[in-house]
Amino acid sequence: MRLLLQQRPDGPEAPRFVQLFLQPDLLGGFTLVRESGQIGGRSSVRREQFLDHASAIKAMERVRDQQIKRGFQVMFTQGEATRS
């Protein structure tokens, strides 16, 4: 599952983005990968481990909702349908 969120361009600076995706690990758990930064610039990557799919989805939705409150818009989704 993958989500790409982006802020509206504001002035001369490139817009910021947040990309969230889930990766299964070799032990049956899941990793939530969060990449954020400025388009065309540097970005940072954070990873969180979860034991099951349900808790990983819940964390992903929590981060998505936080970013939407900060002014980001969902630009692209791939994978399972997420709750709003």
N, C-alpha and C. Protein backbone atom coordinates (compact mmCIF):
# COMPACT_ATOMS: atom_id res chain seq x y z
N MET A 1 0.84 -1.16 0.00
CA MET A 1 0.00 0.00 0.00
C MET A 1 0.90 1.24 0.00
N ARG A 2 0.49 2.24 -0.76
CA ARG A 2 1.32 3.44 -0.91
C ARG A 2 0.44 4.68 -1.03
N LEU A 3 0.85 5.77 -0.36
CA LEU A 3 0.17 7.06 -0.44
C LEU A 3 1.20 8.15 -0.70
N LEU A 4 0.86 9.08 -1.56
CA LEU A 4 1.70 10.25 -1.80
C LEU A 4 0.87 11.48 -1.50
N LEU A 5 1.36 12.30 -0.57
CA LEU A 5 0.69 13.55 -0.22
C LEU A 5 1.61 14.71 -0.58
N GLN A 6 1.01 15.84 -0.94
CA GLN A 6 1.81 16.99 -1.36
C GLN A 6 1.12 18.27 -0.93
N GLN A 7 1.92 19.27 -0.56
CA GLN A 7 1.38 20.60 -0.27
C GLN A 7 1.24 21.38 -1.56
N ARG A 8 0.34 22.34 -1.55
CA ARG A 8 0.20 23.22 -2.72
C ARG A 8 1.45 24.08 -2.84
N PRO A 9 1.88 24.36 -4.06
CA PRO A 9 3.04 25.25 -4.24
C PRO A 9 2.72 26.63 -3.66
N ASP A 10 3.67 27.16 -2.88
CA ASP A 10 3.46 28.45 -2.23
C ASP A 10 4.69 29.32 -2.47
N GLY A 11 4.63 30.20 -3.43
CA GLY A 11 5.76 31.06 -3.72
C GLY A 11 6.79 30.37 -4.59
N PRO A 12 8.04 30.82 -4.51
CA PRO A 12 9.08 30.30 -5.40
C PRO A 12 9.64 28.93 -4.98
N GLU A 13 9.37 28.51 -3.75
CA GLU A 13 9.92 27.24 -3.28
C GLU A 13 9.11 26.06 -3.83
N ALA A 14 9.80 24.95 -4.02
CA ALA A 14 9.14 23.73 -4.47
C ALA A 14 8.24 23.20 -3.35
N PRO A 15 7.13 22.57 -3.71
CA PRO A 15 6.23 22.04 -2.68
C PRO A 15 6.86 20.89 -1.90
N ARG A 16 6.36 20.67 -0.69
CA ARG A 16 6.82 19.58 0.14
C ARG A 16 5.95 18.35 -0.13
N PHE A 17 6.50 17.17 0.16
CA PHE A 17 5.76 15.93 -0.05
C PHE A 17 5.97 15.00 1.14
N VAL A 18 5.04 14.07 1.28
CA VAL A 18 5.16 12.97 2.23
C VAL A 18 4.70 11.72 1.49
N GLN A 19 5.52 10.69 1.50
CA GLN A 19 5.17 9.42 0.88
C GLN A 19 5.14 8.36 1.99
N LEU A 20 4.04 7.62 2.06
CA LEU A 20 3.88 6.57 3.05
C LEU A 20 3.69 5.25 2.33
N PHE A 21 4.40 4.22 2.76
CA PHE A 21 4.12 2.91 2.20
C PHE A 21 4.43 1.82 3.20
N LEU A 22 3.70 0.70 3.05
CA LEU A 22 3.86 -0.46 3.92
C LEU A 22 4.63 -1.54 3.19
N GLN A 23 5.56 -2.15 3.91
CA GLN A 23 6.34 -3.26 3.36
C GLN A 23 6.24 -4.43 4.32
N PRO A 24 5.91 -5.62 3.82
CA PRO A 24 5.95 -6.80 4.70
C PRO A 24 7.41 -7.15 5.00
N ASP A 25 7.66 -7.65 6.22
CA ASP A 25 9.02 -8.08 6.53
C ASP A 25 9.10 -9.60 6.53
N LEU A 26 10.26 -10.14 6.74
CA LEU A 26 10.47 -11.59 6.64
C LEU A 26 9.89 -12.36 7.81
N LEU A 27 9.51 -11.68 8.88
CA LEU A 27 9.00 -12.35 10.07
C LEU A 27 7.48 -12.25 10.21
N GLY A 28 6.80 -11.79 9.17
CA GLY A 28 5.35 -11.70 9.20
C GLY A 28 4.82 -10.36 9.68
N GLY A 29 5.68 -9.43 10.02
CA GLY A 29 5.27 -8.10 10.44
C GLY A 29 5.25 -7.15 9.26
N PHE A 30 5.10 -5.89 9.58
CA PHE A 30 5.06 -4.85 8.53
C PHE A 30 5.88 -3.65 8.95
N THR A 31 6.45 -2.98 7.96
CA THR A 31 7.21 -1.76 8.19
C THR A 31 6.49 -0.61 7.50
N LEU A 32 6.21 0.45 8.28
CA LEU A 32 5.66 1.68 7.71
C LEU A 32 6.85 2.59 7.40
N VAL A 33 7.02 2.90 6.12
CA VAL A 33 8.11 3.77 5.69
C VAL A 33 7.51 5.13 5.38
N ARG A 34 8.11 6.17 5.97
CA ARG A 34 7.64 7.54 5.78
C ARG A 34 8.79 8.36 5.21
N GLU A 35 8.63 8.81 3.97
CA GLU A 35 9.64 9.66 3.33
C GLU A 35 9.04 11.05 3.19
N SER A 36 9.79 12.07 3.57
CA SER A 36 9.27 13.43 3.46
C SER A 36 10.40 14.38 3.08
N GLY A 37 10.02 15.46 2.44
CA GLY A 37 11.01 16.45 2.03
C GLY A 37 10.42 17.42 1.03
N GLN A 38 11.31 18.07 0.31
CA GLN A 38 10.91 19.04 -0.70
C GLN A 38 11.13 18.41 -2.07
N ILE A 39 10.18 18.58 -2.96
CA ILE A 39 10.30 17.99 -4.29
C ILE A 39 11.55 18.54 -4.96
N GLY A 40 12.39 17.65 -5.46
CA GLY A 40 13.62 18.05 -6.11
C GLY A 40 14.76 18.34 -5.14
N GLY A 41 14.52 18.17 -3.86
CA GLY A 41 15.54 18.46 -2.85
C GLY A 41 15.79 17.26 -1.97
N ARG A 42 16.34 17.52 -0.82
CA ARG A 42 16.64 16.46 0.13
C ARG A 42 15.37 15.91 0.77
N SER A 43 15.44 14.66 1.16
CA SER A 43 14.32 14.05 1.87
C SER A 43 14.86 13.22 3.02
N SER A 44 13.98 12.91 3.95
CA SER A 44 14.35 12.05 5.06
C SER A 44 13.43 10.84 5.07
N VAL A 45 13.93 9.73 5.61
CA VAL A 45 13.17 8.49 5.64
C VAL A 45 13.12 7.99 7.09
N ARG A 46 11.91 7.63 7.53
CA ARG A 46 11.73 7.04 8.86
C ARG A 46 11.00 5.71 8.69
N ARG A 47 11.33 4.75 9.54
CA ARG A 47 10.70 3.44 9.49
C ARG A 47 10.16 3.07 10.87
N GLU A 48 8.95 2.47 10.87
CA GLU A 48 8.34 1.96 12.10
C GLU A 48 7.94 0.52 11.87
N GLN A 49 8.22 -0.34 12.83
CA GLN A 49 7.90 -1.76 12.74
C GLN A 49 6.56 -2.04 13.44
N PHE A 50 5.75 -2.93 12.87
CA PHE A 50 4.49 -3.35 13.45
C PHE A 50 4.38 -4.86 13.34
N LEU A 51 3.74 -5.46 14.34
CA LEU A 51 3.62 -6.92 14.37
C LEU A 51 2.54 -7.44 13.44
N ASP A 52 1.49 -6.63 13.21
CA ASP A 52 0.41 -7.11 12.35
C ASP A 52 -0.03 -6.03 11.37
N HIS A 53 -0.76 -6.47 10.38
CA HIS A 53 -1.21 -5.59 9.30
C HIS A 53 -2.18 -4.53 9.81
N ALA A 54 -3.09 -4.91 10.69
CA ALA A 54 -4.11 -3.97 11.19
C ALA A 54 -3.48 -2.78 11.91
N SER A 55 -2.50 -3.03 12.75
CA SER A 55 -1.86 -1.92 13.47
C SER A 55 -1.03 -1.06 12.53
N ALA A 56 -0.44 -1.65 11.50
CA ALA A 56 0.32 -0.88 10.52
C ALA A 56 -0.61 0.03 9.72
N ILE A 57 -1.76 -0.48 9.32
CA ILE A 57 -2.75 0.32 8.58
C ILE A 57 -3.25 1.47 9.45
N LYS A 58 -3.53 1.17 10.71
CA LYS A 58 -4.02 2.20 11.63
C LYS A 58 -2.99 3.33 11.78
N ALA A 59 -1.71 2.97 11.90
CA ALA A 59 -0.65 3.98 12.02
C ALA A 59 -0.53 4.79 10.74
N MET A 60 -0.65 4.13 9.60
CA MET A 60 -0.56 4.83 8.32
C MET A 60 -1.70 5.84 8.18
N GLU A 61 -2.90 5.43 8.56
CA GLU A 61 -4.05 6.33 8.49
C GLU A 61 -3.90 7.50 9.45
N ARG A 62 -3.32 7.27 10.63
CA ARG A 62 -3.10 8.33 11.61
C ARG A 62 -2.13 9.38 11.03
N VAL A 63 -1.04 8.91 10.42
CA VAL A 63 -0.05 9.83 9.83
C VAL A 63 -0.69 10.58 8.66
N ARG A 64 -1.45 9.89 7.83
CA ARG A 64 -2.14 10.53 6.70
C ARG A 64 -3.05 11.65 7.19
N ASP A 65 -3.85 11.37 8.23
CA ASP A 65 -4.78 12.37 8.75
C ASP A 65 -4.03 13.56 9.34
N GLN A 66 -2.90 13.33 10.01
CA GLN A 66 -2.10 14.42 10.55
C GLN A 66 -1.59 15.33 9.43
N GLN A 67 -1.13 14.72 8.35
CA GLN A 67 -0.59 15.50 7.24
C GLN A 67 -1.69 16.28 6.52
N ILE A 68 -2.87 15.70 6.40
CA ILE A 68 -3.99 16.41 5.78
C ILE A 68 -4.35 17.64 6.60
N LYS A 69 -4.31 17.52 7.94
CA LYS A 69 -4.58 18.67 8.81
C LYS A 69 -3.52 19.76 8.63
N ARG A 70 -2.31 19.38 8.23
CA ARG A 70 -1.23 20.34 8.01
C ARG A 70 -1.27 20.97 6.62
N GLY A 71 -2.27 20.62 5.81
CA GLY A 71 -2.42 21.24 4.50
C GLY A 71 -1.98 20.38 3.33
N PHE A 72 -1.60 19.15 3.57
CA PHE A 72 -1.20 18.26 2.48
C PHE A 72 -2.46 17.68 1.82
N GLN A 73 -2.34 17.33 0.55
CA GLN A 73 -3.43 16.71 -0.18
C GLN A 73 -2.96 15.36 -0.71
N VAL A 74 -3.86 14.38 -0.72
CA VAL A 74 -3.52 13.07 -1.27
C VAL A 74 -3.47 13.19 -2.79
N MET A 75 -2.31 12.87 -3.36
CA MET A 75 -2.11 12.99 -4.80
C MET A 75 -2.18 11.63 -5.50
N PHE A 76 -1.82 10.57 -4.78
CA PHE A 76 -1.72 9.25 -5.41
C PHE A 76 -1.92 8.19 -4.34
N THR A 77 -2.70 7.17 -4.67
CA THR A 77 -2.84 6.00 -3.79
C THR A 77 -2.68 4.75 -4.62
N GLN A 78 -2.12 3.74 -4.00
CA GLN A 78 -1.93 2.46 -4.67
C GLN A 78 -2.12 1.37 -3.62
N GLY A 79 -2.85 0.33 -3.96
CA GLY A 79 -3.04 -0.76 -3.02
C GLY A 79 -4.45 -0.76 -2.47
N GLU A 80 -4.58 -1.20 -1.23
CA GLU A 80 -5.88 -1.33 -0.58
C GLU A 80 -6.58 0.01 -0.44
N ALA A 81 -7.89 -0.04 -0.40
CA ALA A 81 -8.67 1.18 -0.12
C ALA A 81 -8.51 1.52 1.35
N THR A 82 -8.32 2.80 1.64
CA THR A 82 -8.16 3.24 3.03
C THR A 82 -9.43 3.95 3.48
N ARG A 83 -9.69 3.90 4.76
CA ARG A 83 -10.84 4.61 5.32
C ARG A 83 -10.50 6.08 5.42
N SER A 84 -11.53 6.92 5.30
CA SER A 84 -11.32 8.37 5.44
C SER A 84 -11.73 8.83 6.80
